[in-house]
Amino acid sequence: MPELPEVETVRQTLEQLIVGKTVADVAVFLPKIVKEPPDVDLFVQRLIGTEVTGVGRRGKFLRIFFGDWVLVSHLRMEGRYSLAQHDEPVEKHTHVIFRFTDKTELRYRDVRQFGTMHLYPAGEEEQYPPLNKLGPEPLSDDFTLDVFRARLAGRKTKLKALLLNQEFLVGLGNIYVDEALFSAGLHPERPADALTEAEQKRLYKSIRSTLAEAVRLGGSSVRSYVNGKGEMGMFQLQIQVYGRKGEPCMRCGEPITRLVVAGRGTHVCLKCQR
């Protein structure tokens, strides 16, 4: 599933590709993807004639601003946006097409059909699901070390499970939790409230630096992810532990171990992360 760096990269590329375009029509071929409004015809009517004024992100969710409306889009496992000319062949598993007046089309393709779209009045989207219970943005200036420490206080949850919780902190998934914990030298099963102040600071800095570097490199293409221009990310070339079971640790040479923590495959160096 795309995590914060991948969604941010898609946001950046879509901003370059579609801002300023006007919607001529919208075709929805898989109605279950549209969650709000429940009437797909109303979804289409609200978008026709609107101009794309911006593309934002909240956690792992894209926010595409269409005039007075904002589309909250969750890519989930395989969702992908691309811009095409109107006469280009439509790929299989393309479920929504936003047709613009300049004869280009923003196409949403989703092999697994797990993606979702919610359309809300712009400015009201964070009052409703799926954005209404999300935690802070880890790369925001407002997310300070003091804020992080306050959120850790009294949390007995294992670090891996806590960092995956989008109500605690948004944007982190399996890849970047494993990488941040390795960078901080912390075992994923450590209780969050057992960290020393030095360990809290180390984890805070590791989360931010790991995500920032992944954004800089366009995310990780470890499965099918590409950005809005069809380009792969490059962070996977720098992965230290994720998916490297049995391979030598890049720090100490010990083999990487795979555990199951919070129901998720978890990669750890048991020497570096005690």
Protein backbone atom coordinates (compact mmCIF):
# COMPACT_ATOMS: atom_id res chain seq x y z
CA MET A 1 0.00 0.00 0.00
CA PRO A 2 1.39 3.44 -0.86
CA GLU A 3 2.62 5.24 2.25
CA LEU A 4 3.21 8.95 2.83
CA PRO A 5 6.24 9.29 0.50
CA GLU A 6 4.48 7.57 -2.40
CA VAL A 7 1.25 9.56 -1.98
CA GLU A 8 3.21 12.81 -1.64
CA THR A 9 5.07 12.01 -4.85
CA VAL A 10 1.78 11.31 -6.65
CA ARG A 11 0.46 14.60 -5.27
CA GLN A 12 3.44 16.50 -6.64
CA THR A 13 3.18 14.96 -10.09
CA LEU A 14 -0.60 15.42 -10.33
CA GLU A 15 -0.21 19.05 -9.31
CA GLN A 16 2.07 19.54 -12.30
CA LEU A 17 -0.26 17.67 -14.65
CA ILE A 18 -3.85 18.71 -13.89
CA VAL A 19 -4.07 22.03 -12.01
CA GLY A 20 -5.91 24.58 -14.15
CA LYS A 21 -7.85 22.00 -16.16
CA THR A 22 -11.66 22.11 -16.31
CA VAL A 23 -13.85 19.03 -16.00
CA ALA A 24 -16.07 18.34 -19.01
CA ASP A 25 -17.42 15.00 -17.80
CA VAL A 26 -16.72 12.14 -15.41
CA ALA A 27 -17.22 8.45 -16.18
CA VAL A 28 -17.55 6.02 -13.28
CA PHE A 29 -17.34 2.38 -14.31
CA LEU A 30 -17.13 0.91 -10.80
CA PRO A 31 -19.64 2.74 -8.57
CA LYS A 32 -18.48 1.07 -5.32
CA ILE A 33 -15.29 3.16 -5.39
CA VAL A 34 -17.36 6.33 -4.85
CA LYS A 35 -18.31 6.36 -1.16
CA GLU A 36 -19.59 9.94 -0.87
CA PRO A 37 -22.01 10.98 -2.16
CA PRO A 38 -23.67 7.55 -2.40
CA ASP A 39 -25.40 8.66 -5.60
CA VAL A 40 -22.78 8.39 -8.37
CA ASP A 41 -24.83 10.65 -10.67
CA LEU A 42 -24.64 13.40 -8.04
CA PHE A 43 -20.87 12.81 -7.76
CA VAL A 44 -20.56 13.40 -11.50
CA GLN A 45 -22.90 16.42 -11.54
CA ARG A 46 -20.96 18.17 -8.79
CA LEU A 47 -17.68 17.85 -10.69
CA ILE A 48 -18.77 18.86 -14.20
CA GLY A 49 -17.65 22.39 -15.00
CA THR A 50 -15.27 22.68 -12.05
CA GLU A 51 -11.62 23.66 -12.34
CA VAL A 52 -8.81 21.74 -10.66
CA THR A 53 -7.35 24.35 -8.30
CA GLY A 54 -4.88 22.25 -6.34
CA VAL A 55 -3.75 18.82 -5.19
CA GLY A 56 -3.09 18.16 -1.51
CA ARG A 57 -2.40 15.28 0.80
CA ARG A 58 -3.45 14.21 4.30
CA GLY A 59 -1.57 11.17 5.53
CA LYS A 60 -1.98 8.49 2.88
CA PHE A 61 -4.94 10.28 1.27
CA LEU A 62 -4.86 12.51 -1.81
CA ARG A 63 -6.99 15.65 -1.83
CA ILE A 64 -7.84 16.94 -5.31
CA PHE A 65 -9.56 20.33 -5.24
CA PHE A 66 -12.26 20.85 -7.86
CA GLY A 67 -13.55 24.39 -7.35
CA ASP A 68 -15.72 24.34 -4.24
CA TRP A 69 -15.33 20.59 -3.86
CA VAL A 70 -12.49 18.35 -2.72
CA LEU A 71 -12.04 14.73 -3.72
CA VAL A 72 -10.49 12.62 -0.95
CA SER A 73 -8.91 9.65 -2.67
CA HIS A 74 -7.32 6.62 -1.00
CA LEU A 75 -5.22 4.54 -3.40
CA ARG A 76 -5.10 1.53 -1.05
CA MET A 77 -3.17 -1.41 -2.53
CA GLU A 78 -3.04 -0.80 -6.29
CA GLY A 79 -4.77 2.50 -7.07
CA ARG A 80 -3.04 4.63 -9.68
CA TYR A 81 -3.72 7.94 -11.45
CA SER A 82 -2.41 8.82 -14.89
CA LEU A 83 -3.03 11.56 -17.44
CA ALA A 84 -3.85 10.49 -20.99
CA GLN A 85 -5.10 11.95 -24.25
CA HIS A 86 -8.78 11.27 -24.88
CA ASP A 87 -8.06 9.02 -27.86
CA GLU A 88 -5.50 6.80 -26.11
CA PRO A 89 -6.65 3.22 -25.40
CA VAL A 90 -8.13 2.79 -21.94
CA GLU A 91 -6.28 0.22 -19.84
CA LYS A 92 -8.08 -2.67 -18.22
CA HIS A 93 -9.12 -2.00 -14.59
CA THR A 94 -9.66 1.72 -15.26
CA HIS A 95 -12.65 2.53 -13.06
CA VAL A 96 -13.01 6.33 -13.10
CA ILE A 97 -12.14 8.84 -15.84
CA PHE A 98 -12.16 12.61 -15.32
CA ARG A 99 -12.49 14.12 -18.81
CA PHE A 100 -11.17 17.65 -19.23
CA THR A 101 -12.15 20.29 -21.75
CA ASP A 102 -8.67 20.21 -23.33
CA LYS A 103 -9.27 16.59 -24.43
CA THR A 104 -6.99 15.10 -21.77
CA GLU A 105 -8.22 12.63 -19.16
CA LEU A 106 -7.23 11.82 -15.61
CA ARG A 107 -7.70 8.07 -15.33
CA TYR A 108 -7.95 6.08 -12.12
CA ARG A 109 -6.91 2.44 -12.45
CA ASP A 110 -7.17 -0.08 -9.60
CA VAL A 111 -6.58 -3.79 -10.17
CA ARG A 112 -7.61 -4.77 -6.63
CA GLN A 113 -10.60 -2.39 -6.51
CA PHE A 114 -9.86 -1.41 -2.90
CA GLY A 115 -9.49 2.34 -3.51
CA THR A 116 -12.08 4.85 -2.31
CA MET A 117 -13.29 8.33 -3.27
CA HIS A 118 -15.18 10.79 -1.06
CA LEU A 119 -16.36 14.16 -2.41
CA TYR A 120 -16.94 16.90 0.18
CA PRO A 121 -17.32 20.68 0.20
CA ALA A 122 -13.76 22.06 0.30
CA GLY A 123 -12.75 22.91 3.84
CA GLU A 124 -15.17 20.45 5.42
CA GLU A 125 -13.43 17.19 4.50
CA GLU A 126 -11.62 16.78 7.82
CA GLN A 127 -14.95 16.74 9.68
CA TYR A 128 -15.94 13.43 8.08
CA PRO A 129 -14.51 9.96 7.42
CA PRO A 130 -11.94 9.05 6.36
CA LEU A 131 -9.97 12.13 7.50
CA ASN A 132 -11.72 12.99 10.75
CA LYS A 133 -9.67 10.80 13.11
CA LEU A 134 -6.18 11.11 11.65
CA GLY A 135 -3.15 11.94 13.77
CA PRO A 136 -0.54 14.63 13.07
CA GLU A 137 1.59 14.90 9.94
CA PRO A 138 5.13 13.68 10.74
CA LEU A 139 6.82 16.14 8.36
CA SER A 140 4.81 19.15 9.50
CA ASP A 141 6.52 21.97 11.39
CA ASP A 142 3.79 21.54 14.01
CA PHE A 143 4.96 18.00 14.75
CA THR A 144 7.69 18.84 17.24
CA LEU A 145 9.66 16.56 19.54
CA ASP A 146 7.54 17.79 22.46
CA VAL A 147 4.35 16.84 20.60
CA PHE A 148 5.79 13.38 19.87
CA ARG A 149 6.79 12.86 23.50
CA ALA A 150 3.34 13.89 24.71
CA ARG A 151 1.69 11.41 22.36
CA LEU A 152 3.98 8.59 23.51
CA ALA A 153 3.25 9.20 27.19
CA GLY A 154 1.37 6.34 28.82
CA ARG A 155 1.28 4.25 25.64
CA LYS A 156 2.14 0.66 26.49
CA THR A 157 1.59 -0.46 22.89
CA LYS A 158 4.48 -2.03 21.01
CA LEU A 159 6.29 0.52 18.87
CA LYS A 160 5.50 -1.20 15.57
CA ALA A 161 1.77 -1.34 16.28
CA LEU A 162 1.68 2.25 17.53
CA LEU A 163 3.51 3.71 14.54
CA LEU A 164 1.18 1.88 12.16
CA ASN A 165 -1.83 3.46 13.89
CA GLN A 166 -2.96 6.35 11.68
CA GLU A 167 -4.77 7.97 14.60
CA PHE A 168 -1.43 8.23 16.42
CA LEU A 169 0.63 9.49 13.48
CA VAL A 170 -0.28 9.51 9.80
CA GLY A 171 1.55 8.24 6.76
CA LEU A 172 3.68 5.42 8.11
CA GLY A 173 3.16 1.87 6.83
CA ASN A 174 5.12 -1.34 7.03
CA ILE A 175 8.13 -0.22 4.98
CA TYR A 176 8.87 3.05 6.72
CA VAL A 177 8.09 1.84 10.25
CA ASP A 178 10.67 -0.94 9.82
CA GLU A 179 13.19 1.49 8.34
CA ALA A 180 12.67 4.19 10.99
CA LEU A 181 12.94 1.70 13.86
CA PHE A 182 16.16 0.29 12.43
CA SER A 183 17.57 3.78 11.96
CA ALA A 184 16.73 4.56 15.58
CA GLY A 185 18.14 1.25 16.83
CA LEU A 186 14.86 0.27 18.49
CA HIS A 187 13.20 -3.15 18.58
CA PRO A 188 9.66 -3.09 17.15
CA GLU A 189 8.28 -4.89 20.22
CA ARG A 190 9.51 -2.31 22.72
CA PRO A 191 6.61 -0.74 24.67
CA ALA A 192 6.28 2.89 23.62
CA ASP A 193 6.21 4.19 27.20
CA ALA A 194 9.50 2.43 28.02
CA LEU A 195 11.63 4.67 25.80
CA THR A 196 14.16 6.96 27.40
CA GLU A 197 14.21 10.62 26.40
CA ALA A 198 17.25 9.95 24.23
CA GLU A 199 15.45 7.07 22.49
CA GLN A 200 12.35 9.21 21.95
CA LYS A 201 14.47 11.88 20.31
CA ARG A 202 16.27 9.29 18.17
CA LEU A 203 12.98 7.80 16.98
CA TYR A 204 11.47 11.22 16.27
CA LYS A 205 14.44 12.20 14.13
CA SER A 206 14.51 8.80 12.38
CA ILE A 207 10.84 8.99 11.42
CA ARG A 208 11.24 12.44 9.92
CA SER A 209 14.54 11.79 8.17
CA THR A 210 13.39 8.44 6.73
CA LEU A 211 10.19 9.91 5.33
CA ALA A 212 11.90 13.06 4.02
CA GLU A 213 14.54 11.02 2.20
CA ALA A 214 11.89 8.73 0.73
CA VAL A 215 9.94 11.74 -0.54
CA ARG A 216 13.13 13.15 -2.06
CA LEU A 217 13.67 9.87 -3.91
CA GLY A 218 10.08 9.58 -5.12
CA GLY A 219 8.99 6.79 -2.77
CA SER A 220 9.61 3.05 -2.93
CA SER A 221 8.64 0.88 -5.90
CA VAL A 222 8.74 -2.46 -4.11
CA ARG A 223 5.61 -3.78 -5.84
CA SER A 224 3.56 -1.94 -8.45
CA TYR A 225 3.87 1.69 -7.35
CA VAL A 226 4.59 4.41 -9.89
CA ASN A 227 3.86 8.13 -9.66
CA GLY A 228 1.36 10.11 -11.75
CA LYS A 229 3.81 10.19 -14.65
CA GLY A 230 4.40 6.43 -14.57
CA GLU A 231 7.84 6.81 -12.99
CA MET A 232 9.21 4.44 -10.34
CA GLY A 233 10.45 5.62 -6.95
CA MET A 234 14.06 4.98 -5.94
CA PHE A 235 14.04 4.69 -2.14
CA GLN A 236 13.94 0.89 -2.37
CA LEU A 237 17.61 1.07 -3.36
CA GLN A 238 18.38 2.43 0.11
CA ILE A 239 16.25 0.05 2.19
CA GLN A 240 18.18 -1.25 5.19
CA VAL A 241 15.92 -3.99 6.60
CA TYR A 242 12.48 -4.19 4.97
CA GLY A 243 12.16 -7.31 2.82
CA ARG A 244 15.78 -8.36 3.49
CA LYS A 245 15.19 -11.49 5.58
CA GLY A 246 18.39 -13.54 5.85
CA GLU A 247 20.56 -10.89 4.19
CA PRO A 248 23.42 -9.34 6.18
CA CYS A 249 22.72 -6.19 8.17
CA MET A 250 24.40 -3.24 6.49
CA ARG A 251 25.70 -2.09 9.87
CA CYS A 252 26.88 -5.19 11.67
CA GLY A 253 26.67 -8.06 9.20
CA GLU A 254 24.22 -10.15 11.23
CA PRO A 255 21.36 -11.66 9.19
CA ILE A 256 18.11 -9.72 9.12
CA THR A 257 15.30 -11.52 10.96
CA ARG A 258 11.64 -11.53 10.01
CA LEU A 259 9.14 -11.39 12.86
CA VAL A 260 5.38 -10.93 12.97
CA VAL A 261 4.42 -7.88 15.03
CA ALA A 262 0.90 -6.46 15.14
CA GLY A 263 -0.02 -9.04 12.51
CA ARG A 264 2.48 -7.60 10.04
CA GLY A 265 5.70 -9.04 8.65
CA THR A 266 8.47 -7.11 10.38
CA HIS A 267 12.16 -6.97 9.54
CA VAL A 268 14.73 -6.34 12.23
CA CYS A 269 18.41 -6.70 13.07
CA LEU A 270 18.40 -8.34 16.48
CA LYS A 271 21.92 -7.08 17.18
CA CYS A 272 21.37 -3.44 16.25
CA GLN A 273 17.80 -3.28 17.58
CA ARG A 274 17.84 -4.76 21.06
